[in-house]
Amino acid sequence: MDILIWLGAAVTLGGLALLIWCILRVMKARKAGLSDDALRAELQKVVPINTGALFLSMFGLMMVVLGIAFS
């Protein structure tokens, strides 16, 4: 079950990396001084990726917990 723990940690880190990327993309869009409509369009592009990253992190943490529970 050690492989499940390490695999879950890797999946969690992948989700965390995507979350950081989403944060940086939104910060870049805000600093660009876009109009309200352009900023809203940019944020609408980031929301599905952000949601997927949260799901990926949650799934990875569940894998870690299951790996610890089954060990």
PDB file of N, CA and C in Angstrom:
ATOM      1  N   MET A   1       0.809  -1.207   0.000  1.00  0.00           N
ATOM      2  CA  MET A   1       0.000   0.000   0.000  1.00  0.00           C
ATOM      3  C   MET A   1       0.850   1.269   0.000  1.00  0.00           C
ATOM      4  N   ASP A   2       2.152   1.090   0.125  1.00  0.00           N
ATOM      5  CA  ASP A   2       3.024   2.264   0.064  1.00  0.00           C
ATOM      6  C   ASP A   2       2.928   2.959  -1.289  1.00  0.00           C
ATOM      7  N   ILE A   3       2.722   2.176  -2.341  1.00  0.00           N
ATOM      8  CA  ILE A   3       2.610   2.765  -3.678  1.00  0.00           C
ATOM      9  C   ILE A   3       1.381   3.661  -3.766  1.00  0.00           C
ATOM     10  N   LEU A   4       0.308   3.284  -3.090  1.00  0.00           N
ATOM     11  CA  LEU A   4      -0.912   4.104  -3.095  1.00  0.00           C
ATOM     12  C   LEU A   4      -0.670   5.439  -2.403  1.00  0.00           C
ATOM     13  N   ILE A   5       0.107   5.421  -1.339  1.00  0.00           N
ATOM     14  CA  ILE A   5       0.422   6.660  -0.615  1.00  0.00           C
ATOM     15  C   ILE A   5       1.249   7.585  -1.502  1.00  0.00           C
ATOM     16  N   TRP A   6       2.299   7.033  -2.135  1.00  0.00           N
ATOM     17  CA  TRP A   6       3.158   7.868  -2.975  1.00  0.00           C
ATOM     18  C   TRP A   6       2.451   8.338  -4.237  1.00  0.00           C
ATOM     19  N   LEU A   7       1.620   7.475  -4.813  1.00  0.00           N
ATOM     20  CA  LEU A   7       0.851   7.877  -5.987  1.00  0.00           C
ATOM     21  C   LEU A   7      -0.145   8.979  -5.625  1.00  0.00           C
ATOM     22  N   GLY A   8      -0.793   8.840  -4.473  1.00  0.00           N
ATOM     23  CA  GLY A   8      -1.725   9.873  -4.010  1.00  0.00           C
ATOM     24  C   GLY A   8      -1.029  11.195  -3.740  1.00  0.00           C
ATOM     25  N   ALA A   9       0.183  11.116  -3.185  1.00  0.00           N
ATOM     26  CA  ALA A   9       0.945  12.347  -2.944  1.00  0.00           C
ATOM     27  C   ALA A   9       1.304  13.027  -4.259  1.00  0.00           C
ATOM     28  N   ALA A  10       1.664  12.236  -5.256  1.00  0.00           N
ATOM     29  CA  ALA A  10       2.005  12.812  -6.563  1.00  0.00           C
ATOM     30  C   ALA A  10       0.779  13.447  -7.220  1.00  0.00           C
ATOM     31  N   VAL A  11      -0.362  12.788  -7.126  1.00  0.00           N
ATOM     32  CA  VAL A  11      -1.601  13.350  -7.694  1.00  0.00           C
ATOM     33  C   VAL A  11      -1.967  14.643  -6.975  1.00  0.00           C
ATOM     34  N   THR A  12      -1.822  14.662  -5.667  1.00  0.00           N
ATOM     35  CA  THR A  12      -2.116  15.868  -4.887  1.00  0.00           C
ATOM     36  C   THR A  12      -1.197  17.014  -5.279  1.00  0.00           C
ATOM     37  N   LEU A  13       0.080  16.722  -5.464  1.00  0.00           N
ATOM     38  CA  LEU A  13       1.016  17.771  -5.874  1.00  0.00           C
ATOM     39  C   LEU A  13       0.701  18.287  -7.279  1.00  0.00           C
ATOM     40  N   GLY A  14       0.247  17.398  -8.159  1.00  0.00           N
ATOM     41  CA  GLY A  14      -0.179  17.838  -9.488  1.00  0.00           C
ATOM     42  C   GLY A  14      -1.362  18.792  -9.407  1.00  0.00           C
ATOM     43  N   GLY A  15      -2.331  18.467  -8.565  1.00  0.00           N
ATOM     44  CA  GLY A  15      -3.479  19.358  -8.376  1.00  0.00           C
ATOM     45  C   GLY A  15      -3.075  20.680  -7.766  1.00  0.00           C
ATOM     46  N   LEU A  16      -2.146  20.637  -6.824  1.00  0.00           N
ATOM     47  CA  LEU A  16      -1.654  21.870  -6.209  1.00  0.00           C
ATOM     48  C   LEU A  16      -0.922  22.740  -7.227  1.00  0.00           C
ATOM     49  N   ALA A  17      -0.158  22.112  -8.103  1.00  0.00           N
ATOM     50  CA  ALA A  17       0.534  22.870  -9.151  1.00  0.00           C
ATOM     51  C   ALA A  17      -0.472  23.549 -10.081  1.00  0.00           C
ATOM     52  N   LEU A  18      -1.544  22.852 -10.413  1.00  0.00           N
ATOM     53  CA  LEU A  18      -2.582  23.461 -11.248  1.00  0.00           C
ATOM     54  C   LEU A  18      -3.276  24.617 -10.529  1.00  0.00           C
ATOM     55  N   LEU A  19      -3.499  24.475  -9.229  1.00  0.00           N
ATOM     56  CA  LEU A  19      -4.103  25.573  -8.464  1.00  0.00           C
ATOM     57  C   LEU A  19      -3.206  26.809  -8.463  1.00  0.00           C
ATOM     58  N   ILE A  20      -1.920  26.601  -8.295  1.00  0.00           N
ATOM     59  CA  ILE A  20      -0.975  27.723  -8.327  1.00  0.00           C
ATOM     60  C   ILE A  20      -0.969  28.363  -9.705  1.00  0.00           C
ATOM     61  N   TRP A  21      -1.030  27.544 -10.756  1.00  0.00           N
ATOM     62  CA  TRP A  21      -1.074  28.077 -12.115  1.00  0.00           C
ATOM     63  C   TRP A  21      -2.328  28.928 -12.322  1.00  0.00           C
ATOM     64  N   CYS A  22      -3.470  28.478 -11.788  1.00  0.00           N
ATOM     65  CA  CYS A  22      -4.715  29.254 -11.905  1.00  0.00           C
ATOM     66  C   CYS A  22      -4.589  30.597 -11.195  1.00  0.00           C
ATOM     67  N   ILE A  23      -4.003  30.587 -10.013  1.00  0.00           N
ATOM     68  CA  ILE A  23      -3.824  31.825  -9.258  1.00  0.00           C
ATOM     69  C   ILE A  23      -2.944  32.798 -10.032  1.00  0.00           C
ATOM     70  N   LEU A  24      -1.839  32.292 -10.577  1.00  0.00           N
ATOM     71  CA  LEU A  24      -0.935  33.161 -11.322  1.00  0.00           C
ATOM     72  C   LEU A  24      -1.589  33.705 -12.590  1.00  0.00           C
ATOM     73  N   ARG A  25      -2.395  32.888 -13.257  1.00  0.00           N
ATOM     74  CA  ARG A  25      -3.073  33.344 -14.473  1.00  0.00           C
ATOM     75  C   ARG A  25      -4.082  34.451 -14.169  1.00  0.00           C
ATOM     76  N   VAL A  26      -4.813  34.309 -13.068  1.00  0.00           N
ATOM     77  CA  VAL A  26      -5.791  35.340 -12.701  1.00  0.00           C
ATOM     78  C   VAL A  26      -5.076  36.620 -12.264  1.00  0.00           C
ATOM     79  N   MET A  27      -3.973  36.481 -11.512  1.00  0.00           N
ATOM     80  CA  MET A  27      -3.215  37.671 -11.109  1.00  0.00           C
ATOM     81  C   MET A  27      -2.672  38.411 -12.330  1.00  0.00           C
ATOM     82  N   LYS A  28      -2.200  37.662 -13.326  1.00  0.00           N
ATOM     83  CA  LYS A  28      -1.689  38.274 -14.549  1.00  0.00           C
ATOM     84  C   LYS A  28      -2.808  39.003 -15.295  1.00  0.00           C
ATOM     85  N   ALA A  29      -3.988  38.400 -15.333  1.00  0.00           N
ATOM     86  CA  ALA A  29      -5.122  39.030 -16.013  1.00  0.00           C
ATOM     87  C   ALA A  29      -5.564  40.293 -15.284  1.00  0.00           C
ATOM     88  N   ARG A  30      -5.527  40.269 -13.960  1.00  0.00           N
ATOM     89  CA  ARG A  30      -5.935  41.459 -13.205  1.00  0.00           C
ATOM     90  C   ARG A  30      -4.940  42.597 -13.375  1.00  0.00           C
ATOM     91  N   LYS A  31      -3.649  42.256 -13.439  1.00  0.00           N
ATOM     92  CA  LYS A  31      -2.633  43.291 -13.594  1.00  0.00           C
ATOM     93  C   LYS A  31      -2.596  43.851 -15.010  1.00  0.00           C
ATOM     94  N   ALA A  32      -3.158  43.122 -15.978  1.00  0.00           N
ATOM     95  CA  ALA A  32      -3.137  43.570 -17.366  1.00  0.00           C
ATOM     96  C   ALA A  32      -4.081  44.743 -17.600  1.00  0.00           C
ATOM     97  N   GLY A  33      -4.943  45.012 -16.656  1.00  0.00           N
ATOM     98  CA  GLY A  33      -5.856  46.147 -16.793  1.00  0.00           C
ATOM     99  C   GLY A  33      -6.921  45.915 -17.849  1.00  0.00           C
ATOM    100  N   LEU A  34      -7.421  44.701 -17.934  1.00  0.00           N
ATOM    101  CA  LEU A  34      -8.443  44.368 -18.925  1.00  0.00           C
ATOM    102  C   LEU A  34      -9.775  45.017 -18.555  1.00  0.00           C
ATOM    103  N   SER A  35     -10.619  45.154 -19.547  1.00  0.00           N
ATOM    104  CA  SER A  35     -11.966  45.661 -19.272  1.00  0.00           C
ATOM    105  C   SER A  35     -12.732  44.595 -18.498  1.00  0.00           C
ATOM    106  N   ASP A  36     -13.890  44.980 -17.972  1.00  0.00           N
ATOM    107  CA  ASP A  36     -14.678  44.044 -17.169  1.00  0.00           C
ATOM    108  C   ASP A  36     -15.086  42.812 -17.969  1.00  0.00           C
ATOM    109  N   ASP A  37     -15.488  43.020 -19.203  1.00  0.00           N
ATOM    110  CA  ASP A  37     -15.914  41.887 -20.025  1.00  0.00           C
ATOM    111  C   ASP A  37     -14.746  40.962 -20.348  1.00  0.00           C
ATOM    112  N   ALA A  38     -13.596  41.531 -20.660  1.00  0.00           N
ATOM    113  CA  ALA A  38     -12.422  40.714 -20.979  1.00  0.00           C
ATOM    114  C   ALA A  38     -11.929  39.959 -19.740  1.00  0.00           C
ATOM    115  N   LEU A  39     -11.961  40.622 -18.594  1.00  0.00           N
ATOM    116  CA  LEU A  39     -11.549  39.964 -17.356  1.00  0.00           C
ATOM    117  C   LEU A  39     -12.523  38.843 -17.001  1.00  0.00           C
ATOM    118  N   ARG A  40     -13.797  39.080 -17.183  1.00  0.00           N
ATOM    119  CA  ARG A  40     -14.799  38.051 -16.915  1.00  0.00           C
ATOM    120  C   ARG A  40     -14.610  36.856 -17.852  1.00  0.00           C
ATOM    121  N   ALA A  41     -14.298  37.101 -19.105  1.00  0.00           N
ATOM    122  CA  ALA A  41     -14.056  36.017 -20.056  1.00  0.00           C
ATOM    123  C   ALA A  41     -12.825  35.205 -19.659  1.00  0.00           C
ATOM    124  N   GLU A  42     -11.794  35.879 -19.207  1.00  0.00           N
ATOM    125  CA  GLU A  42     -10.579  35.189 -18.770  1.00  0.00           C
ATOM    126  C   GLU A  42     -10.849  34.342 -17.529  1.00  0.00           C
ATOM    127  N   LEU A  43     -11.620  34.880 -16.601  1.00  0.00           N
ATOM    128  CA  LEU A  43     -11.955  34.130 -15.390  1.00  0.00           C
ATOM    129  C   LEU A  43     -12.830  32.920 -15.714  1.00  0.00           C
ATOM    130  N   GLN A  44     -13.719  33.059 -16.693  1.00  0.00           N
ATOM    131  CA  GLN A  44     -14.561  31.929 -17.070  1.00  0.00           C
ATOM    132  C   GLN A  44     -13.739  30.800 -17.689  1.00  0.00           C
ATOM    133  N   LYS A  45     -12.602  31.123 -18.292  1.00  0.00           N
ATOM    134  CA  LYS A  45     -11.721  30.094 -18.822  1.00  0.00           C
ATOM    135  C   LYS A  45     -10.984  29.358 -17.707  1.00  0.00           C
ATOM    136  N   VAL A  46     -10.703  30.055 -16.614  1.00  0.00           N
ATOM    137  CA  VAL A  46      -9.909  29.486 -15.531  1.00  0.00           C
ATOM    138  C   VAL A  46     -10.762  28.646 -14.573  1.00  0.00           C
ATOM    139  N   VAL A  47     -12.033  28.953 -14.438  1.00  0.00           N
ATOM    140  CA  VAL A  47     -12.879  28.282 -13.446  1.00  0.00           C
ATOM    141  C   VAL A  47     -12.936  26.765 -13.641  1.00  0.00           C
ATOM    142  N   PRO A  48     -13.143  26.227 -14.849  1.00  0.00           N
ATOM    143  CA  PRO A  48     -13.163  24.761 -14.969  1.00  0.00           C
ATOM    144  C   PRO A  48     -11.828  24.111 -14.619  1.00  0.00           C
ATOM    145  N   ILE A  49     -10.728  24.760 -14.961  1.00  0.00           N
ATOM    146  CA  ILE A  49      -9.407  24.223 -14.633  1.00  0.00           C
ATOM    147  C   ILE A  49      -9.213  24.241 -13.116  1.00  0.00           C
ATOM    148  N   ASN A  50      -9.658  25.316 -12.483  1.00  0.00           N
ATOM    149  CA  ASN A  50      -9.557  25.430 -11.035  1.00  0.00           C
ATOM    150  C   ASN A  50     -10.382  24.339 -10.345  1.00  0.00           C
ATOM    151  N   THR A  51     -11.583  24.105 -10.828  1.00  0.00           N
ATOM    152  CA  THR A  51     -12.429  23.068 -10.257  1.00  0.00           C
ATOM    153  C   THR A  51     -11.807  21.683 -10.442  1.00  0.00           C
ATOM    154  N   GLY A  52     -11.261  21.430 -11.618  1.00  0.00           N
ATOM    155  CA  GLY A  52     -10.585  20.163 -11.867  1.00  0.00           C
ATOM    156  C   GLY A  52      -9.369  19.978 -10.981  1.00  0.00           C
ATOM    157  N   ALA A  53      -8.630  21.056 -10.744  1.00  0.00           N
ATOM    158  CA  ALA A  53      -7.454  20.980  -9.878  1.00  0.00           C
ATOM    159  C   ALA A  53      -7.854  20.673  -8.444  1.00  0.00           C
ATOM    160  N   LEU A  54      -8.946  21.267  -7.981  1.00  0.00           N
ATOM    161  CA  LEU A  54      -9.435  20.961  -6.634  1.00  0.00           C
ATOM    162  C   LEU A  54      -9.859  19.502  -6.526  1.00  0.00           C
ATOM    163  N   PHE A  55     -10.539  18.993  -7.558  1.00  0.00           N
ATOM    164  CA  PHE A  55     -10.948  17.595  -7.563  1.00  0.00           C
ATOM    165  C   PHE A  55      -9.733  16.680  -7.569  1.00  0.00           C
ATOM    166  N   LEU A  56      -8.730  17.023  -8.355  1.00  0.00           N
ATOM    167  CA  LEU A  56      -7.517  16.216  -8.432  1.00  0.00           C
ATOM    168  C   LEU A  56      -6.808  16.174  -7.084  1.00  0.00           C
ATOM    169  N   SER A  57      -6.716  17.306  -6.420  1.00  0.00           N
ATOM    170  CA  SER A  57      -6.091  17.345  -5.100  1.00  0.00           C
ATOM    171  C   SER A  57      -6.882  16.527  -4.090  1.00  0.00           C
ATOM    172  N   MET A  58      -8.188  16.635  -4.131  1.00  0.00           N
ATOM    173  CA  MET A  58      -9.031  15.876  -3.218  1.00  0.00           C
ATOM    174  C   MET A  58      -8.887  14.375  -3.468  1.00  0.00           C
ATOM    175  N   PHE A  59      -8.873  13.988  -4.724  1.00  0.00           N
ATOM    176  CA  PHE A  59      -8.727  12.578  -5.070  1.00  0.00           C
ATOM    177  C   PHE A  59      -7.375  12.043  -4.603  1.00  0.00           C
ATOM    178  N   GLY A  60      -6.319  12.832  -4.762  1.00  0.00           N
ATOM    179  CA  GLY A  60      -4.999  12.424  -4.304  1.00  0.00           C
ATOM    180  C   GLY A  60      -4.946  12.266  -2.795  1.00  0.00           C
ATOM    181  N   LEU A  61      -5.565  13.177  -2.081  1.00  0.00           N
ATOM    182  CA  LEU A  61      -5.589  13.066  -0.623  1.00  0.00           C
ATOM    183  C   LEU A  61      -6.405  11.860  -0.163  1.00  0.00           C
ATOM    184  N   MET A  62      -7.471  11.542  -0.895  1.00  0.00           N
ATOM    185  CA  MET A  62      -8.233  10.339  -0.573  1.00  0.00           C
ATOM    186  C   MET A  62      -7.379   9.093  -0.790  1.00  0.00           C
ATOM    187  N   MET A  63      -6.569   9.090  -1.832  1.00  0.00           N
ATOM    188  CA  MET A  63      -5.684   7.957  -2.077  1.00  0.00           C
ATOM    189  C   MET A  63      -4.674   7.799  -0.937  1.00  0.00           C
ATOM    190  N   VAL A  64      -4.136   8.918  -0.465  1.00  0.00           N
ATOM    191  CA  VAL A  64      -3.188   8.866   0.648  1.00  0.00           C
ATOM    192  C   VAL A  64      -3.862   8.308   1.902  1.00  0.00           C
ATOM    193  N   VAL A  65      -5.046   8.769   2.216  1.00  0.00           N
ATOM    194  CA  VAL A  65      -5.762   8.304   3.396  1.00  0.00           C
ATOM    195  C   VAL A  65      -6.071   6.807   3.285  1.00  0.00           C
ATOM    196  N   LEU A  66      -6.508   6.377   2.089  1.00  0.00           N
ATOM    197  CA  LEU A  66      -6.780   4.950   1.904  1.00  0.00           C
ATOM    198  C   LEU A  66      -5.511   4.124   2.024  1.00  0.00           C
ATOM    199  N   GLY A  67      -4.406   4.637   1.492  1.00  0.00           N
ATOM    200  CA  GLY A  67      -3.143   3.925   1.608  1.00  0.00           C
ATOM    201  C   GLY A  67      -2.692   3.787   3.047  1.00  0.00           C
ATOM    202  N   ILE A  68      -2.892   4.826   3.832  1.00  0.00           N
ATOM    203  CA  ILE A  68      -2.537   4.763   5.252  1.00  0.00           C
ATOM    204  C   ILE A  68      -3.488   3.816   5.991  1.00  0.00           C
ATOM    205  N   ALA A  69      -4.767   3.872   5.659  1.00  0.00           N
ATOM    206  CA  ALA A  69      -5.751   3.030   6.354  1.00  0.00           C
ATOM    207  C   ALA A  69      -5.518   1.546   6.052  1.00  0.00           C
ATOM    208  N   PHE A  70      -5.114   1.220   4.835  1.00  0.00           N
ATOM    209  CA  PHE A  70      -4.911  -0.176   4.451  1.00  0.00           C
ATOM    210  C   PHE A  70      -3.538  -0.711   4.832  1.00  0.00           C
ATOM    211  N   SER A  71      -2.660   0.167   5.267  1.00  0.00           N
ATOM    212  CA  SER A  71      -1.304  -0.292   5.648  1.00  0.00           C
ATOM    213  C   SER A  71      -1.293  -0.983   6.997  1.00  0.00           C
TER     214      SER A  71
END
